Every structure is written in structure tokens, then in C-alpha cells.
N, C-alpha and C. Protein backbone atom coordinates (compact mmCIF):
# COMPACT_ATOMS: atom_id res chain seq x y z
N MET A 1 6.54 18.22 5.63
CA MET A 1 7.18 18.88 4.54
C MET A 1 6.89 18.38 3.13
N PRO A 2 6.73 18.91 2.29
CA PRO A 2 6.17 18.16 0.79
C PRO A 2 7.55 17.83 0.23
N THR A 3 7.17 16.42 -0.35
CA THR A 3 8.46 16.01 -1.27
C THR A 3 8.42 17.08 -2.26
N PRO A 4 10.18 17.52 -2.70
CA PRO A 4 10.38 18.35 -3.84
C PRO A 4 9.72 18.16 -5.39
N ILE A 5 9.23 18.57 -6.07
CA ILE A 5 8.67 18.38 -7.45
C ILE A 5 10.00 18.38 -8.28
N ASN A 6 9.70 17.09 -9.21
CA ASN A 6 10.70 17.19 -10.16
C ASN A 6 10.10 17.62 -11.31
N PRO A 7 10.47 18.74 -12.12
CA PRO A 7 10.04 19.13 -13.18
C PRO A 7 9.69 17.99 -14.47
N ILE A 8 11.07 17.22 -14.41
CA ILE A 8 11.29 16.60 -15.63
C ILE A 8 10.47 15.44 -15.43
N ALA A 9 10.48 14.79 -14.55
CA ALA A 9 8.96 13.55 -14.03
C ALA A 9 7.95 14.12 -14.44
N GLY A 10 7.39 15.12 -13.99
CA GLY A 10 6.00 15.71 -14.35
C GLY A 10 5.92 15.81 -15.77
N ALA A 11 6.95 16.49 -16.44
CA ALA A 11 6.88 16.64 -18.29
C ALA A 11 6.62 15.10 -18.49
N ILE A 12 7.57 14.33 -18.02
CA ILE A 12 7.40 12.79 -18.76
C ILE A 12 5.97 12.06 -18.46
N ARG A 13 5.41 12.51 -17.36
CA ARG A 13 3.85 11.92 -16.84
C ARG A 13 2.98 12.72 -17.94
N LEU A 14 3.23 14.06 -18.29
CA LEU A 14 2.07 14.66 -19.02
C LEU A 14 2.33 14.23 -20.18
N VAL A 15 3.37 14.09 -20.92
CA VAL A 15 3.38 13.60 -22.33
C VAL A 15 3.19 11.82 -22.18
N ALA A 16 3.23 11.15 -21.57
CA ALA A 16 2.91 9.86 -21.45
C ALA A 16 1.61 9.70 -21.33
N GLY A 17 0.97 10.70 -20.53
CA GLY A 17 -0.56 10.52 -20.18
C GLY A 17 -1.17 11.08 -21.49
N SER A 18 -0.68 11.95 -22.28
CA SER A 18 -1.33 12.59 -23.34
C SER A 18 -1.09 11.56 -24.32
N ALA A 19 -0.01 11.08 -24.60
CA ALA A 19 0.17 9.78 -25.75
C ALA A 19 -0.71 8.79 -25.55
N ALA A 20 -1.04 8.05 -24.42
CA ALA A 20 -1.68 7.16 -23.94
C ALA A 20 -3.28 7.51 -24.22
N PHE A 21 -3.49 8.81 -23.58
CA PHE A 21 -5.27 9.16 -24.07
C PHE A 21 -5.12 9.37 -25.58
N ALA A 22 -4.26 9.68 -26.27
CA ALA A 22 -4.15 9.94 -27.77
C ALA A 22 -4.77 8.42 -28.22
N ALA A 23 -3.75 7.58 -27.88
CA ALA A 23 -3.65 6.07 -28.55
C ALA A 23 -5.33 5.69 -28.28
N LEU A 24 -5.66 6.00 -27.11
CA LEU A 24 -7.20 5.44 -26.88
C LEU A 24 -8.26 6.02 -27.74
N LEU A 25 -8.00 7.40 -27.91
CA LEU A 25 -9.05 8.15 -28.29
C LEU A 25 -9.23 7.80 -29.89
N PHE A 26 -7.77 7.66 -30.67
CA PHE A 26 -7.87 7.53 -32.14
C PHE A 26 -7.96 6.04 -32.51
N ALA A 27 -7.71 5.00 -31.38
CA ALA A 27 -7.98 3.77 -31.49
C ALA A 27 -9.56 3.29 -31.34
N ALA A 28 -9.90 4.17 -30.77
CA ALA A 28 -11.82 4.13 -30.62
C ALA A 28 -12.40 4.58 -31.99
N ALA A 29 -11.55 5.58 -32.53
CA ALA A 29 -12.44 6.16 -33.67
C ALA A 29 -11.97 5.27 -35.11
N GLY A 30 -10.80 4.89 -34.56
CA GLY A 30 -10.26 4.06 -35.76
C GLY A 30 -9.67 4.58 -37.13
N THR A 31 -9.31 5.91 -36.51
CA THR A 31 -8.91 7.06 -37.65
C THR A 31 -7.93 8.15 -37.04
N LEU A 32 -6.43 8.33 -37.64
CA LEU A 32 -6.04 9.40 -37.00
C LEU A 32 -6.81 10.87 -37.64
N ALA A 33 -7.47 10.67 -38.60
CA ALA A 33 -8.07 11.93 -39.37
C ALA A 33 -9.40 12.42 -38.62
N TRP A 34 -8.92 12.99 -37.41
CA TRP A 34 -10.22 13.50 -36.74
C TRP A 34 -9.53 14.71 -36.11
N PRO A 35 -9.60 15.74 -37.14
CA PRO A 35 -9.21 17.47 -36.50
C PRO A 35 -9.59 17.49 -35.02
N ALA A 36 -11.10 17.28 -35.12
CA ALA A 36 -11.43 18.02 -33.23
C ALA A 36 -10.63 17.18 -32.51
N ALA A 37 -10.31 15.76 -32.73
CA ALA A 37 -9.39 15.53 -31.38
C ALA A 37 -8.00 15.82 -31.60
N TRP A 38 -7.81 16.03 -32.34
CA TRP A 38 -6.17 16.70 -32.19
C TRP A 38 -6.26 18.22 -31.84
N ALA A 39 -7.18 18.57 -31.81
CA ALA A 39 -7.20 20.17 -31.32
C ALA A 39 -7.71 19.82 -29.99
N TYR A 40 -8.36 19.22 -29.46
CA TYR A 40 -8.51 18.89 -28.22
C TYR A 40 -7.44 18.53 -27.55
N LEU A 41 -6.49 17.54 -27.83
CA LEU A 41 -5.51 17.21 -27.54
C LEU A 41 -4.72 18.05 -27.06
N ALA A 42 -4.37 18.85 -28.29
CA ALA A 42 -3.39 19.95 -28.23
C ALA A 42 -3.79 20.69 -27.14
N THR A 43 -5.08 21.19 -26.87
CA THR A 43 -5.70 22.31 -25.95
C THR A 43 -5.71 21.81 -24.51
N ILE A 44 -5.87 20.34 -24.49
CA ILE A 44 -5.80 20.03 -23.08
C ILE A 44 -4.44 19.48 -22.41
N THR A 45 -3.30 19.32 -23.44
CA THR A 45 -2.08 19.29 -23.19
C THR A 45 -1.31 20.49 -22.74
N ALA A 46 -1.76 21.65 -23.43
CA ALA A 46 -1.28 22.66 -23.29
C ALA A 46 -1.69 23.21 -21.90
N VAL A 47 -3.08 23.50 -21.51
CA VAL A 47 -3.59 23.71 -20.25
C VAL A 47 -3.12 23.00 -19.32
N MET A 48 -2.87 21.73 -19.11
CA MET A 48 -2.22 20.89 -18.19
C MET A 48 -0.64 21.42 -17.95
N ALA A 49 0.03 21.68 -19.01
CA ALA A 49 1.48 22.20 -18.89
C ALA A 49 1.47 23.46 -18.18
N VAL A 50 0.43 24.52 -18.68
CA VAL A 50 0.68 25.50 -17.96
C VAL A 50 -0.04 25.64 -16.83
N TYR A 51 -0.80 25.19 -16.51
CA TYR A 51 -1.06 24.54 -14.91
C TYR A 51 -0.08 23.92 -14.14
N GLY A 52 0.42 22.81 -14.57
CA GLY A 52 1.58 22.48 -13.74
C GLY A 52 2.79 23.22 -13.31
N LEU A 53 3.20 24.05 -14.34
CA LEU A 53 4.00 25.17 -14.14
C LEU A 53 3.68 26.11 -13.27
N VAL A 54 2.62 26.52 -13.20
CA VAL A 54 2.16 27.92 -12.59
C VAL A 54 1.88 27.13 -11.01
N ILE A 55 1.18 26.07 -10.87
CA ILE A 55 1.19 25.38 -9.62
C ILE A 55 2.46 25.12 -8.81
N VAL A 56 3.36 24.36 -9.75
CA VAL A 56 4.98 23.91 -9.12
C VAL A 56 5.56 25.28 -8.89
N ARG A 57 4.94 26.38 -9.20
CA ARG A 57 5.84 27.44 -8.60
C ARG A 57 5.12 28.38 -7.52
N LEU A 58 3.76 28.41 -7.73
CA LEU A 58 3.42 29.20 -6.78
C LEU A 58 2.62 28.43 -5.26
N HIS A 59 2.50 26.85 -5.59
CA HIS A 59 1.62 26.35 -4.70
C HIS A 59 2.13 24.81 -4.76
N PRO A 60 3.38 24.46 -4.50
CA PRO A 60 4.19 23.23 -4.55
C PRO A 60 3.34 22.30 -3.85
N GLU A 61 2.82 22.63 -2.68
CA GLU A 61 2.45 21.79 -1.63
C GLU A 61 0.94 21.15 -2.02
N LEU A 62 0.50 21.99 -3.40
CA LEU A 62 -0.99 21.57 -3.64
C LEU A 62 -0.74 20.21 -4.60
N ILE A 63 0.44 20.24 -5.52
CA ILE A 63 0.91 18.82 -6.18
C ILE A 63 0.63 17.72 -4.88
N GLU A 64 1.41 18.12 -4.25
CA GLU A 64 1.77 16.80 -3.30
C GLU A 64 0.43 16.31 -2.65
N GLU A 65 -0.42 17.44 -2.31
CA GLU A 65 -1.76 17.14 -1.79
C GLU A 65 -2.95 16.30 -2.92
N ARG A 66 -2.62 16.78 -4.09
CA ARG A 66 -3.46 15.96 -5.10
C ARG A 66 -2.81 14.83 -5.56
N ARG A 67 -1.70 14.46 -5.14
CA ARG A 67 -0.93 13.01 -5.28
C ARG A 67 -1.62 11.82 -4.32
N HIS A 68 -2.27 12.40 -3.39
CA HIS A 68 -2.74 11.44 -2.32
C HIS A 68 -4.41 11.93 -2.06
N PRO A 69 -5.17 11.21 -2.40
CA PRO A 69 -6.71 11.38 -2.14
C PRO A 69 -6.73 11.23 -0.56
N PRO A 70 -7.60 12.52 -0.14
CA PRO A 70 -8.02 12.38 1.39
C PRO A 70 -8.31 10.66 1.88
N ALA A 71 -7.94 10.63 3.07
CA ALA A 71 -8.25 9.39 3.93
C ALA A 71 -9.71 9.12 3.97
N ASP A 72 -10.46 10.29 4.18
CA ASP A 72 -11.87 10.33 4.52
C ASP A 72 -12.79 10.52 3.18
N ALA A 73 -11.98 10.22 1.72
CA ALA A 73 -12.95 10.17 0.72
C ALA A 73 -13.84 9.63 0.68
N LYS A 74 -15.05 9.77 0.05
CA LYS A 74 -16.13 8.80 0.07
C LYS A 74 -16.03 7.84 -1.03
N PRO A 75 -15.94 6.57 -0.88
CA PRO A 75 -15.90 5.72 -2.04
C PRO A 75 -16.49 5.95 -3.03
N TRP A 76 -17.68 6.32 -3.09
CA TRP A 76 -18.91 6.72 -4.12
C TRP A 76 -18.44 7.60 -5.08
N ASP A 77 -17.47 8.56 -4.42
CA ASP A 77 -17.07 9.63 -5.25
C ASP A 77 -15.47 9.74 -6.24
N LYS A 78 -15.18 8.58 -5.82
CA LYS A 78 -13.87 8.47 -6.51
C LYS A 78 -14.20 8.25 -8.03
N PRO A 79 -15.00 7.64 -8.28
CA PRO A 79 -15.22 7.37 -9.95
C PRO A 79 -15.71 8.41 -10.60
N PHE A 80 -16.28 9.30 -10.10
CA PHE A 80 -17.17 10.75 -10.60
C PHE A 80 -16.14 11.65 -11.05
N ILE A 81 -14.55 11.49 -10.42
CA ILE A 81 -14.01 12.44 -10.82
C ILE A 81 -13.38 12.66 -12.40
N VAL A 82 -13.75 11.06 -12.62
CA VAL A 82 -12.97 11.09 -14.07
C VAL A 82 -14.11 11.24 -15.29
N ILE A 83 -15.39 10.72 -14.43
CA ILE A 83 -16.66 10.84 -15.35
C ILE A 83 -17.00 12.41 -15.51
N VAL A 84 -16.61 13.29 -14.42
CA VAL A 84 -17.16 14.73 -14.69
C VAL A 84 -16.28 15.55 -15.73
N GLY A 85 -14.84 15.05 -15.94
CA GLY A 85 -14.04 15.64 -17.02
C GLY A 85 -14.63 15.43 -18.22
N MET A 86 -15.28 13.94 -18.07
CA MET A 86 -15.54 13.18 -19.81
C MET A 86 -16.51 14.24 -20.37
N VAL A 87 -17.27 14.60 -19.47
CA VAL A 87 -18.45 15.59 -19.81
C VAL A 87 -18.22 16.53 -21.07
N GLY A 88 -17.16 17.09 -20.62
CA GLY A 88 -16.74 18.13 -21.33
C GLY A 88 -15.70 17.62 -22.64
N MET A 89 -15.53 16.86 -22.41
CA MET A 89 -14.37 16.23 -23.44
C MET A 89 -15.46 15.79 -24.62
N THR A 90 -16.84 15.12 -24.38
CA THR A 90 -17.60 14.62 -25.55
C THR A 90 -18.05 15.73 -26.38
N PHE A 91 -18.19 16.72 -25.33
CA PHE A 91 -18.76 17.96 -26.46
C PHE A 91 -17.89 18.75 -27.49
N SER A 92 -16.52 18.66 -26.78
CA SER A 92 -15.29 19.14 -27.76
C SER A 92 -15.02 18.24 -28.99
N LEU A 93 -15.35 17.08 -28.69
CA LEU A 93 -15.06 16.24 -29.89
C LEU A 93 -16.08 16.09 -30.98
N GLY A 94 -17.31 16.67 -30.69
CA GLY A 94 -18.38 16.58 -31.49
C GLY A 94 -18.87 15.62 -32.13
N SER A 95 -18.64 14.25 -31.51
CA SER A 95 -19.35 13.04 -32.28
C SER A 95 -20.73 12.82 -31.48
N ARG A 96 -21.43 12.27 -32.44
CA ARG A 96 -23.23 12.02 -31.83
C ARG A 96 -22.91 10.57 -30.69
N PRO A 97 -22.11 10.00 -30.79
CA PRO A 97 -22.02 8.62 -29.87
C PRO A 97 -21.58 9.42 -28.48
N ALA A 98 -20.42 10.46 -28.66
CA ALA A 98 -19.86 11.21 -27.30
C ALA A 98 -21.11 11.76 -26.97
N LEU A 99 -22.11 12.70 -27.63
CA LEU A 99 -23.10 13.26 -27.05
C LEU A 99 -24.14 12.43 -26.17
N ALA A 100 -24.18 11.05 -27.01
CA ALA A 100 -25.29 10.29 -25.99
C ALA A 100 -24.50 9.87 -24.66
N ALA A 101 -23.05 9.63 -24.92
CA ALA A 101 -22.43 9.41 -23.54
C ALA A 101 -22.54 10.45 -22.70
N ALA A 102 -22.56 11.96 -23.08
CA ALA A 102 -22.58 13.04 -22.25
C ALA A 102 -23.96 13.26 -21.50
N VAL A 103 -25.05 12.89 -22.37
CA VAL A 103 -26.45 12.88 -21.40
C VAL A 103 -26.14 11.64 -20.38
N ALA A 104 -25.95 10.60 -20.77
CA ALA A 104 -25.55 9.72 -19.55
C ALA A 104 -24.71 10.23 -18.62
N LEU A 105 -23.82 10.68 -18.73
CA LEU A 105 -22.64 11.16 -17.59
C LEU A 105 -23.37 12.45 -16.95
N CYS A 106 -24.33 13.15 -17.36
CA CYS A 106 -25.09 14.27 -16.90
C CYS A 106 -26.01 13.64 -15.96
N LEU A 107 -26.83 12.41 -16.11
CA LEU A 107 -27.33 11.62 -15.17
C LEU A 107 -26.55 11.26 -13.76
N VAL A 108 -25.52 10.89 -14.26
CA VAL A 108 -24.59 10.06 -13.39
C VAL A 108 -24.02 11.45 -12.55
N LEU A 109 -23.95 12.55 -12.97
CA LEU A 109 -23.11 13.72 -12.00
C LEU A 109 -24.21 14.10 -11.48
N ALA A 110 -25.80 14.11 -11.71
CA ALA A 110 -27.05 14.38 -11.02
C ALA A 110 -26.72 13.39 -9.84
N ARG A 111 -26.80 12.17 -10.04
CA ARG A 111 -26.49 10.96 -8.72
C ARG A 111 -25.46 11.25 -7.97
N ARG A 112 -24.40 11.76 -8.42
CA ARG A 112 -23.41 12.38 -7.33
C ARG A 112 -23.69 13.52 -6.91
N THR A 113 -24.10 14.31 -7.13
CA THR A 113 -24.68 15.34 -6.54
C THR A 113 -25.99 15.11 -5.24
N ALA A 114 -26.54 14.46 -5.43
CA ALA A 114 -27.85 13.85 -4.56
C ALA A 114 -26.76 13.25 -3.56
N LEU A 115 -26.02 12.16 -3.79
CA LEU A 115 -25.03 11.52 -2.67
C LEU A 115 -24.21 12.48 -1.94
N GLU A 116 -23.66 13.55 -2.74
CA GLU A 116 -22.84 14.37 -2.25
C GLU A 116 -23.65 15.05 -0.88
N ASP A 117 -24.68 15.58 -1.43
CA ASP A 117 -25.91 16.34 -0.27
C ASP A 117 -26.22 15.41 0.57
N ARG A 118 -26.63 14.41 0.42
CA ARG A 118 -27.02 13.75 1.66
C ARG A 118 -25.83 13.44 2.42
N THR A 119 -24.98 13.50 1.91
CA THR A 119 -23.47 13.35 2.80
C THR A 119 -22.95 14.58 3.73
N LEU A 120 -23.29 15.48 2.93
CA LEU A 120 -23.00 16.91 3.41
C LEU A 120 -24.04 17.18 4.60
N ARG A 121 -25.26 16.89 4.52
CA ARG A 121 -26.76 17.00 5.56
C ARG A 121 -25.98 16.23 6.52
N ALA A 122 -25.75 15.23 6.30
CA ALA A 122 -25.21 14.08 7.44
C ALA A 122 -24.01 14.41 8.49
N GLU A 123 -22.99 15.03 7.61
CA GLU A 123 -21.61 15.00 8.42
C GLU A 123 -21.11 16.67 8.57
N LEU A 124 -21.65 17.40 7.70
CA LEU A 124 -21.24 19.01 8.05
C LEU A 124 -22.44 19.72 8.82
N ASN A 125 -21.96 19.92 10.20
CA ASN A 125 -22.69 21.25 10.91
C ASN A 125 -23.17 22.26 10.21
N GLY A 126 -23.91 22.47 9.96
CA GLY A 126 -24.76 23.96 9.61
C GLY A 126 -25.02 23.93 8.31
N TYR A 127 -25.17 22.74 7.47
CA TYR A 127 -25.38 22.42 5.87
C TYR A 127 -26.84 22.46 5.93
N ASP A 128 -27.69 21.74 6.84
CA ASP A 128 -29.22 21.28 6.49
C ASP A 128 -29.43 22.53 6.41
N GLU A 129 -29.16 23.68 7.23
CA GLU A 129 -29.92 24.89 7.29
C GLU A 129 -29.64 25.59 5.90
N TYR A 130 -28.05 25.36 5.55
CA TYR A 130 -27.83 26.47 4.36
C TYR A 130 -28.98 25.84 3.32
N ALA A 131 -29.03 24.52 3.05
CA ALA A 131 -29.70 23.77 2.01
C ALA A 131 -31.03 24.31 2.40
N ARG A 132 -31.71 24.54 3.04
CA ARG A 132 -32.96 24.99 3.22
C ARG A 132 -33.23 26.29 2.68
N ARG A 133 -31.88 26.92 2.94
CA ARG A 133 -32.28 28.57 2.44
C ARG A 133 -31.89 28.39 0.76
N VAL A 134 -30.88 27.59 0.48
CA VAL A 134 -30.38 27.44 -0.87
C VAL A 134 -31.06 26.05 -1.44
N ARG A 135 -31.85 26.33 -2.04
CA ARG A 135 -32.55 25.37 -2.99
C ARG A 135 -32.33 24.49 -3.98
N PHE A 136 -31.45 24.91 -4.85
CA PHE A 136 -30.85 24.52 -6.17
C PHE A 136 -29.85 24.11 -6.11
N ARG A 137 -29.33 22.96 -6.52
CA ARG A 137 -27.51 22.45 -6.39
C ARG A 137 -27.12 22.56 -7.63
N LEU A 138 -27.81 22.34 -8.91
CA LEU A 138 -27.18 22.45 -10.19
C LEU A 138 -27.73 23.51 -11.06
N VAL A 139 -29.14 23.45 -11.41
CA VAL A 139 -29.65 24.31 -12.04
C VAL A 139 -30.58 25.47 -11.34
N PRO A 140 -30.47 26.29 -11.43
CA PRO A 140 -31.46 27.27 -10.72
C PRO A 140 -32.55 27.50 -11.01
N GLY A 141 -33.50 27.27 -10.42
CA GLY A 141 -35.12 27.19 -10.52
C GLY A 141 -35.15 25.95 -11.00
N VAL A 142 -34.51 25.06 -10.93
CA VAL A 142 -35.13 23.49 -11.36
C VAL A 142 -34.75 22.60 -10.53
N TRP A 143 -33.34 22.54 -10.17
CA TRP A 143 -32.85 21.55 -9.01
C TRP A 143 -31.56 21.92 -8.64
């Protein structure tokens, strides 16, 4: 049976997480005068708040499931979870260093896809046959 969700604790985590992220973001920029970052923070915080409210009401068991990663999660997969979200952020913030980071992160994502494909071929019955029929993983007609 899932642990009951405490909405106040969830709200505190959201505010604390957003504040910590804002502190890191603006500290790295060396200024608070970054309108794109303020817009990004407002958007991502609002999306997370709405997501949290909807999930808590409709699927509270999903929140409990996401609190604990699966025991059979591959060790190489964990760092990629944080990296896949960072790619979108770099474009949203509109900085040239962020663009360079996005390119690097896309290469990392390609590596993750190759590792995941190898794992699925080895561990999921029928996936090898599926992969022979569906050749492209990320970019249709390319890879």
C-alpha cells in the first residue's frame, strides 16, 4: 500500500528545489539580470506544480514508485536521467556556453541509447527481432 502523499511536504520540496536550482543558475551566471532564466524557472516550477497536483490526485501510486528507483535499474542509466533534462534547459536559456553543453549532452544521449539498445537486445525476449525491423533509434533515416 502506498505511503499517503503529504501535499505540504511536496510543496516545500518544490519550492526548496526551485530555490536551490535558481541559486546555482544565477551564481553560475554571476547576475540576477537574466530574463530567460527567470522565465525558465517560472515555467518549470509551474509545470512541476501542476504535474504534482494532477499525479497526486489521479495516480498517487506513481509518486511512490518514482521515489524509489527500480532495483534492476542499470548503473550506467542513472546519470543520464539528469543529463536528458539538461539538454532542453540549455536551449531554453539561450546562452552560447549552454549550446556547447547541449551538443556534448546530445553525444552522451546517443551513447546512452546505444547502451540501452545493447541491454534490451540481451535481456528482452523479442527485442532483437524488433530491432531488425525498426532500424532507427533516434533520428529517422539516420540512426
